[in-house]
Amino acid sequence: MTSEARRAVVEALIELAGSPDYRDRADAGRSLATFAEMHEARGALWELVLDDRDTFVTRVTAEALLRRHDSAGLSVVASALAAMGPGHHTPSQIDWIHAAVRDVFMVFARDRDAAVRVCEVLARDPDAQVRAGADQLIAALAEIDPILDPAEEG
């Protein structure tokens, strides 16, 4: 896919992300997560993780970003977590992000451990919000006891 085509897809998904229908926003979040490395997608993804109209949008967008298993996805989730200060978002939004973290990293210890390593790098990011959120993600990941450890994965 050309860069122009990728930008056109992201633009269309950003438009869908502004829909009043939660299903449209959830679909946009899932799909935009594929393009999380693109600067154009990051703002909309951040807004979708912080969606204050429906926690389903928060959950599916966060999960799609986490399933990337990379710094592009983890940094958006980290930044959103740090933005969820008292009075700004409902506790259930934070709970749904933590549920997504558990769901994505509960099975394989190697995936959880790789995510911790990525978050350790993000904890030194120039953006203070990403750093703060990375620390929160590291704490959440540390609480997970994966079903399969490295000896059982092979």
C-alpha atoms as a PDB file:
ATOM      1  CA  MET A   1       0.000   0.000   0.000  1.00  0.00           C
ATOM      2  CA  THR A   2       1.378   3.398  -0.895  1.00  0.00           C
ATOM      3  CA  SER A   3       1.885   6.130   1.677  1.00  0.00           C
ATOM      4  CA  GLU A   4      -0.929   8.108   0.070  1.00  0.00           C
ATOM      5  CA  ALA A   5      -3.306   5.172   0.309  1.00  0.00           C
ATOM      6  CA  ARG A   6      -2.370   4.586   3.954  1.00  0.00           C
ATOM      7  CA  ARG A   7      -3.007   8.248   4.767  1.00  0.00           C
ATOM      8  CA  ALA A   8      -6.379   8.082   2.980  1.00  0.00           C
ATOM      9  CA  VAL A   9      -7.381   5.034   5.026  1.00  0.00           C
ATOM     10  CA  VAL A  10      -6.305   6.728   8.256  1.00  0.00           C
ATOM     11  CA  GLU A  11      -8.253   9.882   7.335  1.00  0.00           C
ATOM     12  CA  ALA A  12     -11.393   7.821   6.691  1.00  0.00           C
ATOM     13  CA  LEU A  13     -10.970   5.974   9.998  1.00  0.00           C
ATOM     14  CA  ILE A  14     -10.429   9.239  11.871  1.00  0.00           C
ATOM     15  CA  GLU A  15     -13.711  10.460  10.425  1.00  0.00           C
ATOM     16  CA  LEU A  16     -15.396   7.235  11.571  1.00  0.00           C
ATOM     17  CA  ALA A  17     -13.864   7.743  15.033  1.00  0.00           C
ATOM     18  CA  GLY A  18     -15.933  10.917  15.379  1.00  0.00           C
ATOM     19  CA  SER A  19     -19.218   9.075  14.929  1.00  0.00           C
ATOM     20  CA  PRO A  20     -21.885   9.345  17.618  1.00  0.00           C
ATOM     21  CA  ASP A  21     -22.412   5.553  17.317  1.00  0.00           C
ATOM     22  CA  TYR A  22     -20.193   3.584  19.712  1.00  0.00           C
ATOM     23  CA  ARG A  23     -19.963   0.707  17.218  1.00  0.00           C
ATOM     24  CA  ASP A  24     -18.434   2.992  14.609  1.00  0.00           C
ATOM     25  CA  ARG A  25     -15.952   4.353  17.128  1.00  0.00           C
ATOM     26  CA  ALA A  26     -15.027   0.833  18.263  1.00  0.00           C
ATOM     27  CA  ASP A  27     -14.500  -0.276  14.657  1.00  0.00           C
ATOM     28  CA  ALA A  28     -12.384   2.819  14.043  1.00  0.00           C
ATOM     29  CA  GLY A  29     -10.284   2.067  17.136  1.00  0.00           C
ATOM     30  CA  ARG A  30      -9.659  -1.543  16.135  1.00  0.00           C
ATOM     31  CA  SER A  31      -8.759  -0.551  12.606  1.00  0.00           C
ATOM     32  CA  LEU A  32      -6.726   2.546  13.448  1.00  0.00           C
ATOM     33  CA  ALA A  33      -4.591   0.469  15.811  1.00  0.00           C
ATOM     34  CA  THR A  34      -3.152  -1.133  12.670  1.00  0.00           C
ATOM     35  CA  PHE A  35      -1.760   2.290  11.769  1.00  0.00           C
ATOM     36  CA  ALA A  36      -0.566   3.315  15.265  1.00  0.00           C
ATOM     37  CA  GLU A  37       2.940   3.968  13.998  1.00  0.00           C
ATOM     38  CA  MET A  38       1.584   6.766  11.796  1.00  0.00           C
ATOM     39  CA  HIS A  39       1.612  10.179  13.441  1.00  0.00           C
ATOM     40  CA  GLU A  40      -1.763  10.992  11.858  1.00  0.00           C
ATOM     41  CA  ALA A  41      -3.473   8.101  13.693  1.00  0.00           C
ATOM     42  CA  ARG A  42      -2.107   8.679  17.190  1.00  0.00           C
ATOM     43  CA  GLY A  43      -4.374  11.540  18.265  1.00  0.00           C
ATOM     44  CA  ALA A  44      -7.542   9.737  17.254  1.00  0.00           C
ATOM     45  CA  LEU A  45      -6.364   6.523  18.911  1.00  0.00           C
ATOM     46  CA  TRP A  46      -5.632   8.399  22.114  1.00  0.00           C
ATOM     47  CA  GLU A  47      -9.119   9.941  22.048  1.00  0.00           C
ATOM     48  CA  LEU A  48     -10.694   6.523  21.447  1.00  0.00           C
ATOM     49  CA  VAL A  49      -8.858   4.946  24.380  1.00  0.00           C
ATOM     50  CA  LEU A  50     -10.134   7.858  26.455  1.00  0.00           C
ATOM     51  CA  ASP A  51     -13.679   7.649  24.995  1.00  0.00           C
ATOM     52  CA  ASP A  52     -15.917   8.960  27.755  1.00  0.00           C
ATOM     53  CA  ARG A  53     -19.160   8.002  26.015  1.00  0.00           C
ATOM     54  CA  ASP A  54     -18.713   4.218  26.005  1.00  0.00           C
ATOM     55  CA  THR A  55     -16.193   2.004  27.783  1.00  0.00           C
ATOM     56  CA  PHE A  56     -16.543  -0.623  25.028  1.00  0.00           C
ATOM     57  CA  VAL A  57     -14.672   1.762  22.734  1.00  0.00           C
ATOM     58  CA  THR A  58     -11.986   2.185  25.392  1.00  0.00           C
ATOM     59  CA  ARG A  59     -11.639  -1.577  25.820  1.00  0.00           C
ATOM     60  CA  VAL A  60     -11.467  -2.655  22.178  1.00  0.00           C
ATOM     61  CA  THR A  61      -9.142   0.172  21.149  1.00  0.00           C
ATOM     62  CA  ALA A  62      -6.764  -0.490  24.038  1.00  0.00           C
ATOM     63  CA  GLU A  63      -6.791  -4.214  23.314  1.00  0.00           C
ATOM     64  CA  ALA A  64      -6.063  -3.698  19.608  1.00  0.00           C
ATOM     65  CA  LEU A  65      -3.175  -1.383  20.462  1.00  0.00           C
ATOM     66  CA  LEU A  66      -1.750  -3.814  23.020  1.00  0.00           C
ATOM     67  CA  ARG A  67      -2.009  -6.735  20.579  1.00  0.00           C
ATOM     68  CA  ARG A  68       0.513  -4.953  18.374  1.00  0.00           C
ATOM     69  CA  HIS A  69       3.145  -5.849  20.998  1.00  0.00           C
ATOM     70  CA  ASP A  70       5.213  -2.804  20.070  1.00  0.00           C
ATOM     71  CA  SER A  71       6.119   0.651  21.284  1.00  0.00           C
ATOM     72  CA  ALA A  72       3.654   2.359  18.918  1.00  0.00           C
ATOM     73  CA  GLY A  73       0.678   0.623  20.522  1.00  0.00           C
ATOM     74  CA  LEU A  74       1.976   0.566  24.077  1.00  0.00           C
ATOM     75  CA  SER A  75       2.892   4.267  24.030  1.00  0.00           C
ATOM     76  CA  VAL A  76      -0.659   5.315  23.088  1.00  0.00           C
ATOM     77  CA  VAL A  77      -2.109   3.188  25.888  1.00  0.00           C
ATOM     78  CA  ALA A  78       0.520   4.466  28.331  1.00  0.00           C
ATOM     79  CA  SER A  79      -0.189   8.085  27.451  1.00  0.00           C
ATOM     80  CA  ALA A  80      -3.930   7.535  27.816  1.00  0.00           C
ATOM     81  CA  LEU A  81      -3.501   5.857  31.204  1.00  0.00           C
ATOM     82  CA  ALA A  82      -1.464   8.777  32.476  1.00  0.00           C
ATOM     83  CA  ALA A  83      -4.122  11.200  31.245  1.00  0.00           C
ATOM     84  CA  MET A  84      -6.797   9.453  33.302  1.00  0.00           C
ATOM     85  CA  GLY A  85      -6.234  11.508  36.386  1.00  0.00           C
ATOM     86  CA  PRO A  86      -8.822  11.965  39.129  1.00  0.00           C
ATOM     87  CA  GLY A  87     -11.949  13.712  37.926  1.00  0.00           C
ATOM     88  CA  HIS A  88     -11.086  13.388  34.252  1.00  0.00           C
ATOM     89  CA  HIS A  89     -12.330   9.899  33.501  1.00  0.00           C
ATOM     90  CA  THR A  90     -14.344   7.226  35.192  1.00  0.00           C
ATOM     91  CA  PRO A  91     -12.617   4.523  37.221  1.00  0.00           C
ATOM     92  CA  SER A  92     -14.294   1.969  34.979  1.00  0.00           C
ATOM     93  CA  GLN A  93     -12.321   3.254  31.992  1.00  0.00           C
ATOM     94  CA  ILE A  94      -9.095   2.512  33.828  1.00  0.00           C
ATOM     95  CA  ASP A  95     -10.527  -0.875  34.820  1.00  0.00           C
ATOM     96  CA  TRP A  96     -11.296  -1.687  31.167  1.00  0.00           C
ATOM     97  CA  ILE A  97      -7.770  -0.766  30.086  1.00  0.00           C
ATOM     98  CA  HIS A  98      -6.381  -3.000  32.811  1.00  0.00           C
ATOM     99  CA  ALA A  99      -8.743  -5.780  31.666  1.00  0.00           C
ATOM    100  CA  ALA A 100      -7.357  -5.395  28.141  1.00  0.00           C
ATOM    101  CA  VAL A 101      -3.794  -5.610  29.508  1.00  0.00           C
ATOM    102  CA  ARG A 102      -4.671  -8.824  31.354  1.00  0.00           C
ATOM    103  CA  ASP A 103      -6.428 -10.338  28.349  1.00  0.00           C
ATOM    104  CA  VAL A 104      -3.560  -9.624  25.973  1.00  0.00           C
ATOM    105  CA  PHE A 105      -0.696 -10.639  28.254  1.00  0.00           C
ATOM    106  CA  MET A 106      -2.247 -13.392  30.395  1.00  0.00           C
ATOM    107  CA  VAL A 107      -1.286 -16.368  28.230  1.00  0.00           C
ATOM    108  CA  PHE A 108       2.396 -16.185  27.316  1.00  0.00           C
ATOM    109  CA  ALA A 109       5.080 -15.061  29.745  1.00  0.00           C
ATOM    110  CA  ARG A 110       7.331 -14.156  26.804  1.00  0.00           C
ATOM    111  CA  ASP A 111       4.725 -11.646  25.543  1.00  0.00           C
ATOM    112  CA  ARG A 112       4.286 -10.108  28.978  1.00  0.00           C
ATOM    113  CA  ASP A 113       8.054  -9.917  29.493  1.00  0.00           C
ATOM    114  CA  ALA A 114       8.569  -8.336  26.058  1.00  0.00           C
ATOM    115  CA  ALA A 115       5.901  -5.738  26.874  1.00  0.00           C
ATOM    116  CA  VAL A 116       7.690  -4.921  30.143  1.00  0.00           C
ATOM    117  CA  ARG A 117      10.931  -4.388  28.204  1.00  0.00           C
ATOM    118  CA  VAL A 118       9.166  -2.046  25.760  1.00  0.00           C
ATOM    119  CA  CYS A 119       7.591  -0.160  28.672  1.00  0.00           C
ATOM    120  CA  GLU A 120      10.985   0.167  30.362  1.00  0.00           C
ATOM    121  CA  VAL A 121      12.183   1.987  27.239  1.00  0.00           C
ATOM    122  CA  LEU A 122       8.996   4.094  27.191  1.00  0.00           C
ATOM    123  CA  ALA A 123       9.643   4.976  30.844  1.00  0.00           C
ATOM    124  CA  ARG A 124      12.572   7.051  29.507  1.00  0.00           C
ATOM    125  CA  ASP A 125      10.508   8.719  26.746  1.00  0.00           C
ATOM    126  CA  PRO A 126      10.861  12.504  26.359  1.00  0.00           C
ATOM    127  CA  ASP A 127       7.089  12.847  26.873  1.00  0.00           C
ATOM    128  CA  ALA A 128       6.317  12.950  30.617  1.00  0.00           C
ATOM    129  CA  GLN A 129       2.839  11.549  30.057  1.00  0.00           C
ATOM    130  CA  VAL A 130       4.199   8.502  28.195  1.00  0.00           C
ATOM    131  CA  ARG A 131       6.774   7.990  30.960  1.00  0.00           C
ATOM    132  CA  ALA A 132       4.132   8.109  33.685  1.00  0.00           C
ATOM    133  CA  GLY A 133       1.827   5.764  31.802  1.00  0.00           C
ATOM    134  CA  ALA A 134       4.668   3.356  31.052  1.00  0.00           C
ATOM    135  CA  ASP A 135       5.308   3.078  34.783  1.00  0.00           C
ATOM    136  CA  GLN A 136       1.600   2.297  35.290  1.00  0.00           C
ATOM    137  CA  LEU A 137       1.719  -0.354  32.562  1.00  0.00           C
ATOM    138  CA  ILE A 138       4.827  -1.935  34.077  1.00  0.00           C
ATOM    139  CA  ALA A 139       3.000  -2.177  37.410  1.00  0.00           C
ATOM    140  CA  ALA A 140      -0.063  -3.719  35.733  1.00  0.00           C
ATOM    141  CA  LEU A 141       2.077  -6.205  33.802  1.00  0.00           C
ATOM    142  CA  ALA A 142       3.945  -7.177  36.990  1.00  0.00           C
ATOM    143  CA  GLU A 143       0.653  -8.282  38.526  1.00  0.00           C
ATOM    144  CA  ILE A 144       0.009 -10.782  35.723  1.00  0.00           C
ATOM    145  CA  ASP A 145       0.948 -14.410  36.243  1.00  0.00           C
ATOM    146  CA  PRO A 146       0.797 -15.814  32.690  1.00  0.00           C
ATOM    147  CA  ILE A 147      -0.645 -19.239  32.077  1.00  0.00           C
ATOM    148  CA  LEU A 148       2.396 -20.425  30.116  1.00  0.00           C
ATOM    149  CA  ASP A 149       5.947 -19.713  31.189  1.00  0.00           C
ATOM    150  CA  PRO A 150       8.887 -20.139  28.783  1.00  0.00           C
ATOM    151  CA  ALA A 151       9.468 -23.778  29.742  1.00  0.00           C
ATOM    152  CA  GLU A 152       5.850 -24.646  28.875  1.00  0.00           C
ATOM    153  CA  GLU A 153       5.589 -22.589  25.663  1.00  0.00           C
ATOM    154  CA  GLY A 154       7.750 -24.787  23.453  1.00  0.00           C
END
